Amino acid sequence: MSLDGGAQVTVQSHIAVQSRPRQHAVVFSGNGYNAAYEVGVLKAILHGVSPSTRGEKVQPDSYSGTSVGAYNAAFMVSHSHLGDIGAAEKLEQSWKTGLNPRIRGNPVDYLNPRFYWPNPLTPLVDFGKDTLHLSRDLMRRAGELFGSIEPTRPLAALQDQILGYEWDILADLAPTSGLIRDNIALENIRNSNKKLCITAADWKKGTTKTFENRDFSDAAGHQMVIGAMAIPGFTPRQHVDLEELVDGTMLMAHPLKPAIEARDRQSAVRLTLHVIYLDPEFEEGLLMDARGSLAIVYRLFLLAFSRSMNADIGRIEQVNRSVKFLKLLGDFDPESEVLKLWRRLHQETKDKVEVEVHRYRSAKHLTSVREIFVGMTEERLKRLFETGYADARQHDCAKSQCVVISEE
């Protein structure tokens, strides 16, 4: 497989019986309701039924995520007192309430009889709130328009306003925010022995930022999770202190770095990453029919993240080789001049450990663009959970091109 500018990466195609203990970390990527598929994969890993676990009921030391995967990671750490399996069962139940934002004034909602259940007055109240919210924004923009009109170029100001209109005002994050606040206890995250890493993008700087357990204060913790899930241009940016946070998927050059950095450095045991993501270039080609603007933008998100992930896994394989070579050379001759020279030339191996990577990536797209942005039925969610669990049970390291380390 060619990764990161054509560098060749050789991936082992067998699973050796491994007896020494391992640190485990789970990496969620999200991508809309595909995050429900991740829950199914996670349960199979925790139950020890995936071949990647070698029959071990895995107890991850850390959870990391971006996009909607940030919710999965934060939820698991928030409920770690229930045990990993108990937290995963509760996470599955929470998904049935839905996490997608509500579209203000969506006429399709008002034509759906289920929208008026259980309280038929709630949609009417929401409609009034939506009308007021949008009217205020239009009035503000009308003021900006009249203030910027130049007598000699009256249409230019109107064009600027149309081109610069932020359509994310149509997304109401109140339902999503409420569910996150109800389902994620920030104090539990700060006190958990499980490490949490959530990555979002700083919209102003164009850089990514990773938040850890201690960062989840009562004042800003929930906003960090919502910000990591906020799709630029579709949902409003989330303000945390002076920062504006959005989904960091497209900007992550090293998506596995947070999970690797979160390892227990005092422990000599090997680190194993369980990475769940969608890869448009894996096996069957196109994951989705990219027709329409939303589908095109979404596909760009997938491509950017999956290529960064694949390149990161390629770099891990290269570091593994360097670490193994250093160990063999050090065992043979600790004072070797060759060993000293190698260390000087390969600074990236300093303080590094061998990392095993199991990647669980679907060969086909699991949800439609409409479902990603609008929501899906409970039956469809159940099918996603079951598909993730079944795929993990049938996991093939050779086919998935996992980075497997033998004991030899």
Protein backbone atom coordinates (compact mmCIF):
# COMPACT_ATOMS: atom_id res chain seq x y z
CA MET A 1 0.00 0.00 0.00
CA SER A 2 1.30 3.44 -0.92
CA LEU A 3 0.88 6.11 1.73
CA ASP A 4 2.02 9.69 2.27
CA GLY A 5 3.54 10.63 -1.03
CA GLY A 6 4.22 7.14 -2.28
CA ALA A 7 6.11 5.67 0.68
CA GLN A 8 5.70 1.92 0.64
CA VAL A 9 4.29 0.35 3.80
CA THR A 10 4.41 -3.37 4.37
CA VAL A 11 1.69 -4.65 6.65
CA GLN A 12 1.87 -8.04 8.28
CA SER A 13 -0.86 -10.39 7.16
CA HIS A 14 -0.98 -12.70 10.17
CA ILE A 15 -1.93 -12.48 13.79
CA ALA A 16 0.60 -13.99 16.14
CA VAL A 17 -0.45 -15.15 19.58
CA GLN A 18 0.47 -12.34 21.91
CA SER A 19 0.93 -13.01 25.61
CA ARG A 20 2.37 -9.78 26.97
CA PRO A 21 -0.12 -7.17 28.26
CA ARG A 22 -1.12 -4.24 26.13
CA GLN A 23 -2.47 -0.75 26.56
CA HIS A 24 -5.56 -0.22 24.45
CA ALA A 25 -6.92 3.00 22.97
CA VAL A 26 -10.07 3.47 20.87
CA VAL A 27 -10.16 6.17 18.18
CA PHE A 28 -13.57 7.34 16.93
CA SER A 29 -13.97 9.42 13.78
CA GLY A 30 -17.71 10.01 13.69
CA ASN A 31 -18.97 11.26 10.32
CA GLY A 32 -22.62 11.74 11.15
CA TYR A 33 -24.74 8.72 11.98
CA ASN A 34 -21.87 6.45 10.95
CA ALA A 35 -20.82 7.03 14.56
CA ALA A 36 -23.61 4.58 15.47
CA TYR A 37 -21.72 1.95 13.43
CA GLU A 38 -18.72 2.72 15.64
CA VAL A 39 -20.74 1.78 18.71
CA GLY A 40 -21.34 -1.68 17.27
CA VAL A 41 -17.62 -2.13 16.53
CA LEU A 42 -16.77 -0.90 20.04
CA LYS A 43 -19.06 -3.45 21.68
CA ALA A 44 -17.46 -6.30 19.75
CA ILE A 45 -14.01 -5.12 20.86
CA LEU A 46 -15.08 -4.85 24.49
CA HIS A 47 -16.76 -8.28 24.39
CA GLY A 48 -13.57 -9.81 23.02
CA VAL A 49 -15.31 -11.38 20.02
CA SER A 50 -13.25 -9.58 17.37
CA PRO A 51 -10.20 -11.51 16.10
CA SER A 52 -8.17 -8.33 16.69
CA THR A 53 -8.56 -8.78 20.48
CA ARG A 54 -7.27 -12.38 20.48
CA GLY A 55 -10.14 -13.39 22.73
CA GLU A 56 -9.38 -10.69 25.30
CA LYS A 57 -12.23 -8.58 26.71
CA VAL A 58 -10.51 -5.29 26.07
CA GLN A 59 -10.59 -2.51 28.66
CA PRO A 60 -9.34 0.61 26.86
CA ASP A 61 -7.11 3.03 28.74
CA SER A 62 -8.17 5.96 26.59
CA TYR A 63 -10.80 7.16 24.14
CA SER A 64 -10.26 9.83 21.52
CA GLY A 65 -12.42 11.27 18.79
CA THR A 66 -13.27 14.06 16.42
CA SER A 67 -16.49 15.08 14.68
CA VAL A 68 -19.41 13.06 16.10
CA GLY A 69 -16.82 10.58 17.36
CA ALA A 70 -16.08 13.21 20.01
CA TYR A 71 -19.50 12.49 21.51
CA ASN A 72 -18.81 8.74 21.61
CA ALA A 73 -15.44 9.28 23.30
CA ALA A 74 -16.74 11.80 25.84
CA PHE A 75 -19.73 9.60 26.67
CA MET A 76 -17.56 6.52 27.30
CA VAL A 77 -15.24 8.39 29.67
CA SER A 78 -18.15 10.16 31.37
CA HIS A 79 -19.74 6.79 32.17
CA SER A 80 -16.54 4.84 32.82
CA HIS A 81 -17.72 4.18 36.40
CA LEU A 82 -20.23 1.74 34.87
CA GLY A 83 -17.42 -0.27 33.29
CA ASP A 84 -16.64 -0.19 29.58
CA ILE A 85 -19.37 -2.64 28.57
CA GLY A 86 -21.97 -0.89 30.73
CA ALA A 87 -20.98 2.49 29.28
CA ALA A 88 -21.21 1.13 25.72
CA GLU A 89 -24.72 -0.23 26.34
CA LYS A 90 -25.80 3.14 27.69
CA LEU A 91 -24.14 4.90 24.73
CA GLU A 92 -26.16 2.77 22.33
CA GLN A 93 -29.38 3.77 24.10
CA SER A 94 -28.45 7.46 23.96
CA TRP A 95 -28.09 7.31 20.18
CA LYS A 96 -31.76 6.40 19.83
CA THR A 97 -32.71 9.93 20.88
CA GLY A 98 -30.81 11.41 17.91
CA LEU A 99 -28.01 13.98 17.82
CA ASN A 100 -28.68 15.84 14.59
CA PRO A 101 -29.52 19.58 14.73
CA ARG A 102 -33.03 20.78 13.98
CA ILE A 103 -33.46 22.85 10.83
CA ARG A 104 -35.36 26.04 11.63
CA GLY A 105 -38.68 26.37 9.82
CA ASN A 106 -38.21 23.10 7.93
CA PRO A 107 -41.54 22.63 6.07
CA VAL A 108 -41.01 18.86 5.88
CA ASP A 109 -41.24 18.66 9.67
CA TYR A 110 -44.62 20.36 9.76
CA LEU A 111 -46.04 17.93 7.19
CA ASN A 112 -45.03 14.95 9.35
CA PRO A 113 -47.82 13.89 11.81
CA ARG A 114 -45.21 12.47 14.22
CA PHE A 115 -43.79 15.98 14.61
CA TYR A 116 -46.85 16.91 16.68
CA TRP A 117 -46.39 14.07 19.18
CA PRO A 118 -46.49 14.05 22.19
CA ASN A 119 -47.30 17.80 22.50
CA PRO A 120 -49.05 19.26 19.41
CA LEU A 121 -48.28 22.80 20.59
CA THR A 122 -44.50 22.36 20.68
CA PRO A 123 -44.01 22.66 16.87
CA LEU A 124 -46.07 25.86 16.86
CA VAL A 125 -43.97 27.33 19.67
CA ASP A 126 -40.80 26.33 17.79
CA PHE A 127 -42.14 27.97 14.63
CA GLY A 128 -42.67 31.21 16.51
CA LYS A 129 -39.17 31.09 17.97
CA ASP A 130 -37.67 30.30 14.56
CA THR A 131 -39.52 33.18 12.91
CA LEU A 132 -38.33 35.61 15.58
CA HIS A 133 -34.73 34.33 15.39
CA LEU A 134 -34.54 34.56 11.59
CA SER A 135 -36.33 37.92 11.49
CA ARG A 136 -33.80 39.45 13.86
CA ASP A 137 -30.93 38.20 11.70
CA LEU A 138 -32.55 39.53 8.51
CA MET A 139 -33.12 42.91 10.14
CA ARG A 140 -29.49 43.06 11.22
CA ARG A 141 -28.29 42.17 7.75
CA ALA A 142 -30.67 44.68 6.17
CA GLY A 143 -29.06 47.35 8.34
CA GLU A 144 -25.61 46.25 7.23
CA LEU A 145 -26.76 46.31 3.60
CA PHE A 146 -28.11 49.84 3.70
CA GLY A 147 -25.03 51.01 5.57
CA SER A 148 -22.68 49.60 2.93
CA ILE A 149 -24.46 50.69 -0.25
CA GLU A 150 -22.35 52.89 -2.51
CA PRO A 151 -24.36 55.28 -4.73
CA THR A 152 -22.31 54.34 -7.77
CA ARG A 153 -22.44 50.58 -7.13
CA PRO A 154 -25.81 49.80 -5.50
CA LEU A 155 -25.91 46.14 -6.55
CA ALA A 156 -22.40 45.31 -5.32
CA ALA A 157 -23.42 45.58 -1.65
CA LEU A 158 -26.43 43.32 -2.24
CA GLN A 159 -24.22 40.73 -3.95
CA ASP A 160 -21.75 40.85 -1.07
CA GLN A 161 -24.55 40.25 1.43
CA ILE A 162 -25.91 37.29 -0.55
CA LEU A 163 -22.47 35.70 -1.04
CA GLY A 164 -21.52 36.33 2.57
CA TYR A 165 -24.72 35.01 4.13
CA GLU A 166 -24.06 32.36 6.76
CA TRP A 167 -26.62 29.64 6.20
CA ASP A 168 -25.68 27.88 9.44
CA ILE A 169 -28.17 30.18 11.16
CA LEU A 170 -30.85 27.73 9.96
CA ALA A 171 -29.42 24.99 12.21
CA ASP A 172 -30.82 24.93 15.73
CA LEU A 173 -28.36 23.17 18.03
CA ALA A 174 -30.56 23.46 21.12
CA PRO A 175 -31.82 19.82 20.92
CA THR A 176 -28.29 18.49 20.37
CA SER A 177 -26.88 20.68 23.12
CA GLY A 178 -29.58 19.52 25.53
CA LEU A 179 -28.86 15.84 24.86
CA ILE A 180 -25.13 16.32 25.31
CA ARG A 181 -25.63 18.16 28.59
CA ASP A 182 -28.00 15.44 29.82
CA ASN A 183 -25.76 12.53 28.76
CA ILE A 184 -22.26 13.75 29.59
CA ALA A 185 -21.23 14.49 33.18
CA LEU A 186 -18.18 16.75 33.11
CA GLU A 187 -17.13 16.01 36.70
CA ASN A 188 -17.02 12.31 35.84
CA ILE A 189 -14.69 13.07 32.93
CA ARG A 190 -12.33 15.07 35.13
CA ASN A 191 -12.26 12.31 37.76
CA SER A 192 -12.12 9.30 35.42
CA ASN A 193 -9.06 7.06 35.20
CA LYS A 194 -9.80 6.72 31.47
CA LYS A 195 -8.04 9.32 29.36
CA LEU A 196 -10.10 11.43 26.98
CA CYS A 197 -8.83 13.30 23.92
CA ILE A 198 -11.21 15.34 21.79
CA THR A 199 -9.93 17.32 18.82
CA ALA A 200 -11.62 20.37 17.31
CA ALA A 201 -10.48 23.12 14.96
CA ASP A 202 -9.88 26.71 15.98
CA TRP A 203 -11.79 28.52 13.24
CA LYS A 204 -9.89 31.80 13.59
CA LYS A 205 -6.39 30.30 13.54
CA GLY A 206 -7.06 27.40 11.20
CA THR A 207 -5.35 24.98 13.58
CA THR A 208 -6.51 21.98 15.60
CA LYS A 209 -6.66 21.75 19.36
CA THR A 210 -6.96 18.65 21.52
CA PHE A 211 -8.82 18.78 24.84
CA GLU A 212 -8.05 16.34 27.66
CA ASN A 213 -9.86 15.38 30.88
CA ARG A 214 -8.68 18.36 32.90
CA ASP A 215 -9.93 20.81 30.23
CA PHE A 216 -13.59 19.83 30.64
CA SER A 217 -14.64 22.53 33.05
CA ASP A 218 -18.27 23.03 34.02
CA ALA A 219 -18.29 26.32 32.13
CA ALA A 220 -16.90 25.12 28.79
CA GLY A 221 -16.81 21.30 28.69
CA HIS A 222 -20.06 20.72 26.84
CA GLN A 223 -19.25 23.46 24.31
CA MET A 224 -16.02 21.63 23.48
CA VAL A 225 -17.94 18.50 22.52
CA ILE A 226 -20.52 20.47 20.52
CA GLY A 227 -17.74 22.46 18.83
CA ALA A 228 -15.92 19.28 17.78
CA MET A 229 -19.16 18.20 16.09
CA ALA A 230 -19.98 21.54 14.40
CA ILE A 231 -19.71 21.21 10.62
CA PRO A 232 -18.42 24.53 9.17
CA GLY A 233 -21.05 26.23 7.07
CA PHE A 234 -23.85 23.95 8.26
CA THR A 235 -23.91 24.40 12.03
CA PRO A 236 -22.92 27.49 14.03
CA ARG A 237 -19.38 27.81 15.39
CA GLN A 238 -19.12 27.26 19.13
CA HIS A 239 -17.49 29.89 21.34
CA VAL A 240 -15.14 28.67 24.08
CA ASP A 241 -13.39 31.59 25.75
CA LEU A 242 -11.96 33.58 22.81
CA GLU A 243 -11.92 30.61 20.44
CA GLU A 244 -14.47 29.55 17.84
CA LEU A 245 -14.55 25.76 17.56
CA VAL A 246 -15.68 23.64 14.61
CA ASP A 247 -15.22 20.07 13.39
CA GLY A 248 -11.47 19.51 12.97
CA THR A 249 -11.69 16.52 10.61
CA MET A 250 -10.24 18.23 7.54
CA LEU A 251 -7.34 19.86 9.42
CA MET A 252 -5.98 16.85 11.32
CA ALA A 253 -2.57 16.05 9.88
CA HIS A 254 -1.91 13.42 12.57
CA PRO A 255 -5.28 12.02 13.71
CA LEU A 256 -3.66 9.25 15.80
CA LYS A 257 -1.26 11.53 17.67
CA PRO A 258 -3.68 12.37 20.55
CA ALA A 259 -4.26 8.68 21.31
CA ILE A 260 -0.54 7.89 21.19
CA GLU A 261 0.37 10.88 23.35
CA ALA A 262 -2.25 9.81 25.92
CA ARG A 263 -0.54 6.48 26.62
CA ASP A 264 0.84 5.67 30.04
CA ARG A 265 4.51 6.54 29.60
CA GLN A 266 5.44 4.85 32.87
CA SER A 267 4.32 1.52 31.49
CA ALA A 268 6.51 -0.58 29.23
CA VAL A 269 3.60 -2.51 27.74
CA ARG A 270 2.83 -2.19 24.08
CA LEU A 271 0.19 0.23 22.79
CA THR A 272 -2.66 -1.04 20.62
CA LEU A 273 -4.94 1.36 18.76
CA HIS A 274 -8.44 0.38 17.60
CA VAL A 275 -9.26 2.90 14.86
CA ILE A 276 -12.76 3.13 13.36
CA TYR A 277 -13.26 5.32 10.29
CA LEU A 278 -14.70 5.52 6.80
CA ASP A 279 -12.28 5.25 3.90
CA PRO A 280 -13.59 6.22 0.43
CA GLU A 281 -10.59 4.51 -1.19
CA PHE A 282 -10.90 1.19 0.64
CA GLU A 283 -11.82 -1.94 -1.30
CA GLU A 284 -14.96 -1.11 -3.27
CA GLY A 285 -14.22 2.42 -4.38
CA LEU A 286 -16.86 5.11 -3.98
CA LEU A 287 -18.53 5.13 -0.58
CA MET A 288 -21.37 7.31 -1.74
CA ASP A 289 -22.90 8.86 -4.81
CA ALA A 290 -21.69 12.45 -4.42
CA ARG A 291 -24.56 14.28 -6.11
CA GLY A 292 -25.54 17.65 -4.69
CA SER A 293 -23.51 20.29 -2.88
CA LEU A 294 -23.87 18.76 0.60
CA ALA A 295 -22.78 15.33 -0.65
CA ILE A 296 -19.75 16.81 -2.41
CA VAL A 297 -18.61 18.73 0.67
CA TYR A 298 -19.20 15.69 2.86
CA ARG A 299 -17.14 13.49 0.55
CA LEU A 300 -14.28 16.01 0.75
CA PHE A 301 -14.43 15.69 4.54
CA LEU A 302 -14.17 11.91 4.26
CA LEU A 303 -11.29 12.03 1.79
CA ALA A 304 -9.28 14.55 3.80
CA PHE A 305 -9.62 12.62 7.04
CA SER A 306 -9.11 9.12 5.63
CA ARG A 307 -5.96 10.13 3.74
CA SER A 308 -4.54 11.74 6.89
CA MET A 309 -5.40 8.59 8.83
CA ASN A 310 -3.80 6.29 6.26
CA ALA A 311 -0.66 8.44 6.14
CA ASP A 312 -0.46 8.44 9.95
CA ILE A 313 -0.70 4.66 10.03
CA GLY A 314 2.09 4.53 7.45
CA ARG A 315 4.28 6.68 9.68
CA ILE A 316 3.55 4.40 12.64
CA GLU A 317 4.76 1.42 10.64
CA GLN A 318 8.00 3.25 9.83
CA VAL A 319 8.57 4.23 13.46
CA ASN A 320 7.89 0.63 14.52
CA ARG A 321 10.70 -0.55 12.28
CA SER A 322 13.09 2.04 13.70
CA VAL A 323 12.19 1.17 17.30
CA LYS A 324 12.64 -2.54 16.64
CA PHE A 325 15.99 -1.96 14.95
CA LEU A 326 17.22 0.18 17.86
CA LYS A 327 16.19 -2.48 20.36
CA LEU A 328 17.98 -5.24 18.45
CA LEU A 329 21.09 -3.09 18.00
CA GLY A 330 21.05 -2.05 21.66
CA ASP A 331 20.72 -5.66 22.83
CA PHE A 332 23.63 -6.66 20.62
CA ASP A 333 25.99 -3.76 21.45
CA PRO A 334 24.68 -0.95 23.74
CA GLU A 335 27.79 1.17 23.09
CA SER A 336 27.73 0.75 19.33
CA GLU A 337 28.72 3.83 17.34
CA VAL A 338 26.14 2.78 14.75
CA LEU A 339 23.45 2.93 17.47
CA LYS A 340 24.52 6.43 18.51
CA LEU A 341 24.55 7.61 14.89
CA TRP A 342 21.13 6.08 14.21
CA ARG A 343 19.65 7.86 17.21
CA ARG A 344 21.03 11.18 16.04
CA LEU A 345 19.66 10.69 12.52
CA HIS A 346 16.27 9.39 13.65
CA GLN A 347 15.07 11.76 16.34
CA GLU A 348 11.48 10.71 15.65
CA THR A 349 12.15 7.41 17.44
CA LYS A 350 13.05 9.18 20.67
CA ASP A 351 10.60 8.30 23.45
CA LYS A 352 8.64 6.16 20.98
CA VAL A 353 7.14 2.70 21.43
CA GLU A 354 5.95 0.10 18.99
CA VAL A 355 2.29 0.68 18.20
CA GLU A 356 -0.12 -1.92 16.90
CA VAL A 357 -3.01 -0.55 14.85
CA HIS A 358 -6.25 -2.34 14.08
CA ARG A 359 -8.40 -0.44 11.66
CA TYR A 360 -12.09 -1.08 11.22
CA ARG A 361 -13.25 0.62 8.06
CA SER A 362 -16.45 -0.05 6.23
CA ALA A 363 -16.25 -1.09 2.60
CA LYS A 364 -19.40 0.87 1.79
CA HIS A 365 -21.16 3.98 2.95
CA LEU A 366 -23.67 3.23 5.65
CA THR A 367 -25.97 6.25 5.66
CA SER A 368 -27.38 8.71 3.16
CA VAL A 369 -26.61 12.42 3.18
CA ARG A 370 -30.22 13.10 4.19
CA GLU A 371 -29.87 10.79 7.20
CA ILE A 372 -26.58 12.42 8.22
CA PHE A 373 -28.06 15.92 8.30
CA VAL A 374 -31.70 15.19 9.16
CA GLY A 375 -31.75 11.97 11.17
CA MET A 376 -32.79 8.34 10.82
CA THR A 377 -35.30 5.88 12.20
CA GLU A 378 -34.68 3.70 15.23
CA GLU A 379 -34.78 0.64 12.98
CA ARG A 380 -31.97 2.05 10.81
CA LEU A 381 -29.93 2.84 13.91
CA LYS A 382 -30.37 -0.72 15.14
CA ARG A 383 -29.11 -1.99 11.79
CA LEU A 384 -26.01 0.22 12.08
CA PHE A 385 -25.23 -1.13 15.55
CA GLU A 386 -25.64 -4.70 14.30
CA THR A 387 -23.56 -4.08 11.17
CA GLY A 388 -20.69 -2.64 13.19
CA TYR A 389 -20.76 -5.56 15.62
CA ALA A 390 -20.91 -8.14 12.81
CA ASP A 391 -18.09 -6.49 10.84
CA ALA A 392 -15.85 -6.43 13.93
CA ARG A 393 -16.58 -10.12 14.62
CA GLN A 394 -15.46 -10.94 11.07
CA HIS A 395 -12.48 -8.56 11.21
CA ASP A 396 -9.61 -9.67 8.98
CA CYS A 397 -6.29 -7.98 9.75
CA ALA A 398 -4.80 -8.88 6.38
CA LYS A 399 -7.76 -7.52 4.44
CA SER A 400 -7.97 -4.42 6.63
CA GLN A 401 -4.19 -3.90 6.38
CA CYS A 402 -3.69 -3.62 10.11
CA VAL A 403 -0.27 -2.97 11.62
CA VAL A 404 0.24 -6.19 13.58
CA ILE A 405 3.27 -6.82 15.78
CA SER A 406 4.32 -10.37 16.52
CA GLU A 407 6.21 -11.61 19.56
CA GLU A 408 9.05 -12.84 17.42
